[in-house]
Amino acid sequence: MSENSNLEIERQRIVIVPGMGCVPVQECNWYSWLQQKLEKDSTGQFSVILEDMPDPYAARESHWLPFIRNTLKVDEKTILVGHSSGCEAIMRLLEKEKVRGVILVAACHTDLNNEDERKSGYYNRPWDWNTIRTNTHWIVQLHSPTDKLIPVAEGRFVADKLKSEYMELERRGHFMGKQLPEDFEYKREQTSHLLTNSCQDEEEFENDRHRRHAKMRQTRQIQREIDYQVGMIDKINDRRQQELQKKNKTTPTTTTSSTVTSISSPTSATSSVTNGAKRVGGATEKYTSSQRASGSKF
């Protein structure tokens, strides 16, 4: 009995904090998939907590943080996994509490000009980035450039402030699928490595964290360069499209001009006849002039 109790104590507790409106939480997004994935891990070292949050549709800080502290029993040995609004709850929690590690999926730092988000209470004061960063051993962060709910610029800003191990995954939107993409498997293995070695010498751990962050900075720089090149290609394509549109507009105009020229030819002929009439005599000139005046009405 006591041996089993000791094994239970040694298991790593992981708490998943979902996004706004995710009830029942077991049926939403990838949360249940991750819980099962971790609990079936061959090492048997994970214990995953996934529960419905109070006030799920408003996700107010005043409801969520006490629930995370007191009901989910988060402490300095806990790993937190947050998604969307769950990320902001975790970041505010870390301004006061210490945890072992954090995974943030689709995090933001502003209310995105959304009244409901503003009412949640997370965005009514500046973020204490330094305290958040120092109150956890490591931070892994995922975002997608195709996220239409939280722009990728929000995720990049948070990553820069928290010095997180940041990964951008293409075509993942707001990560609302039934499981996290295969790309996350690498992060899961890396996270497991961090868990099993979290008791290493503090100085060694800090040096290792700085090395990982340096690599991620290089990755972000490469991503920026790629984004710049893609932007330039888009501009060139836009310019070509504009030129083609101008050419298409010019072609009908030229045709119309030719038509006008051809129509004006009879007028020139009429003018020649009129001049001939002038030479014949005054009566003929008078007749021709009246004909021309009546023709101007058409």
Protein backbone atom coordinates (compact mmCIF):
# COMPACT_ATOMS: atom_id res chain seq x y z
CA MET A 1 0.00 0.00 0.00
CA SER A 2 2.67 2.54 1.02
CA GLU A 3 4.79 1.54 -2.00
CA ASN A 4 1.89 2.31 -4.35
CA SER A 5 1.34 5.60 -2.56
CA ASN A 6 4.95 6.56 -3.10
CA LEU A 7 4.67 5.73 -6.81
CA GLU A 8 1.57 7.92 -7.04
CA ILE A 9 3.42 10.81 -5.40
CA GLU A 10 6.27 10.48 -7.89
CA ARG A 11 3.98 10.78 -10.90
CA GLN A 12 4.14 14.14 -12.61
CA ARG A 13 0.90 16.12 -12.31
CA ILE A 14 -0.17 17.92 -15.48
CA VAL A 15 -3.14 20.29 -15.47
CA ILE A 16 -4.85 21.24 -18.75
CA VAL A 17 -6.52 24.67 -18.70
CA PRO A 18 -8.92 24.88 -21.69
CA GLY A 19 -10.13 27.80 -23.76
CA MET A 20 -13.26 29.88 -23.24
CA GLY A 21 -16.57 28.10 -23.80
CA CYS A 22 -15.10 24.58 -23.79
CA VAL A 23 -17.75 22.48 -22.01
CA PRO A 24 -17.95 19.61 -21.53
CA VAL A 25 -14.19 19.82 -21.63
CA GLN A 26 -13.71 16.10 -22.32
CA GLU A 27 -15.43 16.55 -25.69
CA CYS A 28 -13.65 19.71 -26.76
CA ASN A 29 -10.67 20.10 -29.05
CA TRP A 30 -7.57 17.98 -28.32
CA TYR A 31 -7.72 18.05 -24.50
CA SER A 32 -8.98 14.50 -23.95
CA TRP A 33 -6.61 13.17 -26.63
CA LEU A 34 -3.62 14.72 -24.84
CA GLN A 35 -4.78 13.40 -21.48
CA GLN A 36 -5.00 9.85 -22.81
CA LYS A 37 -1.74 10.19 -24.73
CA LEU A 38 0.19 11.22 -21.64
CA GLU A 39 -1.44 8.80 -19.22
CA LYS A 40 -0.71 5.90 -21.59
CA ASP A 41 2.94 6.90 -21.80
CA SER A 42 5.16 3.83 -21.38
CA THR A 43 6.99 5.42 -18.45
CA GLY A 44 3.74 5.76 -16.51
CA GLN A 45 5.03 9.00 -15.02
CA PHE A 46 2.13 11.35 -15.86
CA SER A 47 -1.10 12.09 -14.04
CA VAL A 48 -3.29 14.46 -16.08
CA ILE A 49 -6.07 16.62 -14.62
CA LEU A 50 -8.76 17.81 -17.03
CA GLU A 51 -11.93 19.30 -15.53
CA ASP A 52 -14.71 21.66 -16.58
CA MET A 53 -13.91 25.23 -15.63
CA PRO A 54 -16.34 27.46 -13.72
CA ASP A 55 -17.80 30.40 -15.63
CA PRO A 56 -16.76 28.73 -18.92
CA TYR A 57 -18.27 31.24 -21.37
CA ALA A 58 -16.81 34.35 -19.75
CA ALA A 59 -13.61 32.75 -18.43
CA ARG A 60 -13.23 35.50 -15.85
CA GLU A 61 -9.96 35.68 -13.96
CA SER A 62 -11.82 36.12 -10.67
CA HIS A 63 -13.38 32.65 -11.16
CA TRP A 64 -10.63 30.75 -12.92
CA LEU A 65 -7.56 31.55 -10.82
CA PRO A 66 -9.07 30.50 -7.46
CA PHE A 67 -10.34 27.30 -9.12
CA ILE A 68 -6.88 26.52 -10.55
CA ARG A 69 -5.23 27.17 -7.18
CA ASN A 70 -7.71 25.58 -4.80
CA THR A 71 -9.56 22.89 -6.76
CA LEU A 72 -6.98 21.78 -9.31
CA LYS A 73 -4.27 22.06 -6.64
CA VAL A 74 -1.59 23.64 -8.81
CA ASP A 75 1.76 23.98 -7.05
CA GLU A 76 5.46 24.40 -7.88
CA LYS A 77 5.70 20.76 -9.03
CA THR A 78 2.81 21.04 -11.50
CA ILE A 79 3.06 21.38 -15.27
CA LEU A 80 0.36 23.54 -16.87
CA VAL A 81 -0.95 23.19 -20.43
CA GLY A 82 -3.09 26.12 -21.57
CA HIS A 83 -5.08 26.81 -24.72
CA SER A 84 -6.35 30.22 -25.82
CA SER A 85 -7.93 31.90 -22.74
CA GLY A 86 -6.31 29.18 -20.64
CA CYS A 87 -2.93 30.65 -21.59
CA GLU A 88 -3.83 34.05 -20.19
CA ALA A 89 -5.12 32.44 -16.97
CA ILE A 90 -1.81 30.59 -16.62
CA MET A 91 0.27 33.70 -17.25
CA ARG A 92 -1.65 35.69 -14.62
CA LEU A 93 -1.29 32.77 -12.21
CA LEU A 94 2.48 32.79 -12.75
CA GLU A 95 2.65 36.38 -11.61
CA LYS A 96 1.96 35.01 -8.11
CA GLU A 97 2.67 31.27 -8.15
CA LYS A 98 5.57 29.00 -9.11
CA VAL A 99 5.17 25.91 -11.31
CA ARG A 100 7.53 23.39 -12.88
CA GLY A 101 6.76 24.00 -16.57
CA VAL A 102 4.26 25.54 -18.98
CA ILE A 103 2.96 24.77 -22.46
CA LEU A 104 1.03 27.62 -24.09
CA VAL A 105 -1.07 26.94 -27.21
CA ALA A 106 -2.35 30.07 -29.05
CA ALA A 107 -1.51 32.66 -26.40
CA CYS A 108 -2.21 36.38 -26.62
CA HIS A 109 -1.49 39.46 -24.52
CA THR A 110 -4.26 41.93 -25.55
CA ASP A 111 -8.05 41.78 -25.54
CA LEU A 112 -8.01 41.95 -29.37
CA ASN A 113 -10.58 44.76 -29.21
CA ASN A 114 -13.16 42.21 -28.11
CA GLU A 115 -15.60 43.26 -25.40
CA ASP A 116 -16.06 39.72 -24.02
CA GLU A 117 -12.31 39.26 -23.74
CA ARG A 118 -12.01 42.64 -22.04
CA LYS A 119 -14.55 41.62 -19.40
CA SER A 120 -12.51 38.54 -18.48
CA GLY A 121 -10.16 40.78 -16.45
CA TYR A 122 -6.83 39.47 -17.79
CA TYR A 123 -6.02 42.56 -19.84
CA ASN A 124 -6.80 45.43 -17.49
CA ARG A 125 -3.18 45.91 -16.34
CA PRO A 126 0.36 45.40 -17.66
CA TRP A 127 1.88 41.93 -17.72
CA ASP A 128 4.74 41.19 -15.34
CA TRP A 129 6.78 39.31 -17.93
CA ASN A 130 9.88 38.94 -15.81
CA THR A 131 8.02 37.33 -12.90
CA ILE A 132 6.07 35.04 -15.22
CA ARG A 133 9.32 33.90 -16.81
CA THR A 134 11.17 33.31 -13.55
CA ASN A 135 8.29 31.48 -11.83
CA THR A 136 8.64 28.45 -14.10
CA HIS A 137 11.62 26.33 -15.19
CA TRP A 138 10.61 26.26 -18.85
CA ILE A 139 7.98 27.49 -21.31
CA VAL A 140 7.05 25.82 -24.59
CA GLN A 141 4.78 27.79 -26.91
CA LEU A 142 2.82 26.85 -30.06
CA HIS A 143 1.07 29.14 -32.53
CA SER A 144 -0.03 29.06 -36.16
CA PRO A 145 0.19 31.81 -38.81
CA THR A 146 -3.30 30.79 -39.96
CA ASP A 147 -4.94 31.43 -36.57
CA LYS A 148 -7.89 33.74 -37.35
CA LEU A 149 -8.92 34.20 -33.72
CA ILE A 150 -5.52 35.20 -32.31
CA PRO A 151 -3.11 36.74 -34.85
CA VAL A 152 0.34 35.20 -34.97
CA ALA A 153 1.82 38.58 -34.01
CA GLU A 154 0.28 38.12 -30.55
CA GLY A 155 2.00 34.77 -30.09
CA ARG A 156 5.34 36.12 -31.31
CA PHE A 157 5.12 39.03 -28.88
CA VAL A 158 4.46 36.71 -25.93
CA ALA A 159 7.31 34.41 -27.03
CA ASP A 160 9.70 37.32 -27.19
CA LYS A 161 8.74 38.55 -23.73
CA LEU A 162 8.81 35.12 -22.08
CA LYS A 163 11.87 33.83 -23.98
CA SER A 164 9.86 30.67 -24.61
CA GLU A 165 10.72 27.76 -26.87
CA TYR A 166 8.45 28.92 -29.65
CA MET A 167 7.19 26.88 -32.60
CA GLU A 168 4.94 28.07 -35.42
CA LEU A 169 2.97 25.29 -37.10
CA GLU A 170 1.52 25.92 -40.56
CA ARG A 171 -2.19 25.56 -41.34
CA ARG A 172 -3.22 24.72 -37.76
CA GLY A 173 -5.60 27.64 -37.22
CA HIS A 174 -6.62 28.05 -33.58
CA PHE A 175 -5.68 24.44 -32.71
CA MET A 176 -9.27 23.26 -32.44
CA GLY A 177 -8.78 19.79 -33.89
CA LYS A 178 -9.40 16.55 -32.03
CA GLN A 179 -5.67 16.09 -31.51
CA LEU A 180 -2.55 18.15 -31.63
CA PRO A 181 -0.57 17.86 -34.87
CA GLU A 182 2.27 15.39 -35.32
CA ASP A 183 4.69 18.29 -35.00
CA PHE A 184 3.80 18.31 -31.31
CA GLU A 185 5.24 14.83 -30.82
CA TYR A 186 8.70 16.35 -30.91
CA LYS A 187 7.69 18.85 -28.25
CA ARG A 188 6.10 16.12 -26.14
CA GLU A 189 9.31 14.08 -26.18
CA GLN A 190 11.32 17.19 -25.42
CA THR A 191 8.94 18.01 -22.57
CA SER A 192 9.33 14.50 -21.16
CA HIS A 193 13.07 15.02 -21.22
CA LEU A 194 12.66 18.27 -19.33
CA LEU A 195 10.44 16.54 -16.76
CA THR A 196 12.82 13.75 -16.02
CA ASN A 197 15.74 16.14 -15.71
CA SER A 198 14.00 18.96 -13.88
CA CYS A 199 15.95 18.29 -10.69
CA GLN A 200 19.31 18.89 -12.33
CA ASP A 201 21.71 21.51 -11.03
CA GLU A 202 20.04 24.95 -11.24
CA GLU A 203 22.97 26.59 -13.02
CA GLU A 204 23.17 23.78 -15.58
CA PHE A 205 19.41 24.00 -16.13
CA GLU A 206 19.62 27.76 -16.69
CA ASN A 207 22.49 27.39 -19.16
CA ASP A 208 20.55 24.72 -21.02
CA ARG A 209 17.51 26.99 -21.18
CA HIS A 210 19.60 29.82 -22.65
CA ARG A 211 21.02 27.48 -25.29
CA ARG A 212 17.54 26.35 -26.30
CA HIS A 213 16.32 29.93 -26.44
CA ALA A 214 19.26 30.94 -28.67
CA LYS A 215 18.30 28.19 -31.11
CA MET A 216 14.69 29.34 -31.13
CA ARG A 217 15.77 32.92 -31.80
CA GLN A 218 17.62 31.70 -34.88
CA THR A 219 14.49 29.83 -35.98
CA ARG A 220 12.36 32.96 -35.54
CA GLN A 221 14.86 35.01 -37.53
CA ILE A 222 14.70 32.51 -40.39
CA GLN A 223 10.89 32.64 -40.21
CA ARG A 224 10.97 36.45 -40.45
CA GLU A 225 13.22 36.28 -43.50
CA ILE A 226 10.89 33.76 -45.14
CA ASP A 227 7.88 35.98 -44.35
CA TYR A 228 9.72 38.96 -45.88
CA GLN A 229 10.50 37.05 -49.09
CA VAL A 230 6.92 35.81 -49.35
CA GLY A 231 5.72 39.39 -48.86
CA MET A 232 7.97 40.61 -51.68
CA ILE A 233 6.67 37.90 -54.01
CA ASP A 234 3.10 38.90 -53.15
CA LYS A 235 3.88 42.55 -53.97
CA ILE A 236 5.39 41.58 -57.33
CA ASN A 237 2.33 39.46 -58.13
CA ASP A 238 0.01 42.32 -57.14
CA ARG A 239 1.94 44.71 -59.40
CA ARG A 240 1.67 42.31 -62.32
CA GLN A 241 -2.04 41.93 -61.74
CA GLN A 242 -2.46 45.70 -61.76
CA GLU A 243 -0.53 45.99 -65.02
CA LEU A 244 -2.67 43.29 -66.63
CA GLN A 245 -5.82 45.06 -65.47
CA LYS A 246 -4.58 48.34 -67.00
CA LYS A 247 -3.88 46.59 -70.31
CA ASN A 248 -7.33 45.01 -70.31
CA LYS A 249 -8.90 48.43 -69.72
CA THR A 250 -6.78 50.08 -72.45
CA THR A 251 -7.73 47.57 -75.21
CA PRO A 252 -11.49 48.40 -75.34
CA THR A 253 -10.67 52.13 -75.25
CA THR A 254 -8.47 51.79 -78.35
CA THR A 255 -11.24 49.94 -80.19
CA THR A 256 -13.72 52.64 -79.30
CA SER A 257 -11.31 55.28 -80.57
CA SER A 258 -11.03 53.47 -83.92
CA THR A 259 -14.80 53.24 -84.12
CA VAL A 260 -15.13 56.96 -83.49
CA THR A 261 -12.59 57.64 -86.21
CA SER A 262 -14.48 55.47 -88.70
CA ILE A 263 -17.75 57.14 -87.78
CA SER A 264 -16.23 60.56 -88.23
CA SER A 265 -15.30 59.75 -91.84
CA PRO A 266 -18.83 60.41 -93.22
CA THR A 267 -18.70 63.76 -91.47
CA SER A 268 -15.53 64.57 -93.37
CA ALA A 269 -17.28 63.51 -96.59
CA THR A 270 -20.20 65.77 -95.75
CA SER A 271 -17.77 68.60 -95.17
CA SER A 272 -16.26 68.03 -98.63
CA VAL A 273 -19.71 68.07 -100.22
CA THR A 274 -20.52 71.27 -98.35
CA ASN A 275 -17.36 72.94 -99.58
CA GLY A 276 -18.26 71.87 -103.11
CA ALA A 277 -21.70 73.34 -102.65
CA LYS A 278 -20.18 76.63 -101.58
CA ARG A 279 -18.37 76.82 -104.84
CA VAL A 280 -21.56 76.20 -106.83
CA GLY A 281 -23.44 79.17 -105.45
CA GLY A 282 -25.21 80.91 -102.61
CA ALA A 283 -28.49 79.03 -102.91
CA THR A 284 -26.76 75.72 -102.73
CA GLU A 285 -24.70 76.95 -99.77
CA LYS A 286 -27.88 77.98 -97.93
CA TYR A 287 -29.46 74.58 -98.55
CA THR A 288 -26.39 72.72 -97.38
CA SER A 289 -26.12 74.82 -94.21
CA SER A 290 -29.75 74.12 -93.27
CA GLN A 291 -29.19 70.43 -93.82
CA ARG A 292 -26.12 70.50 -91.57
CA ALA A 293 -28.04 72.39 -88.87
CA SER A 294 -30.85 69.86 -88.89
CA GLY A 295 -28.27 67.04 -88.76
CA SER A 296 -26.82 68.36 -85.50
CA LYS A 297 -29.97 67.32 -83.62
CA PHE A 298 -29.27 63.62 -84.07
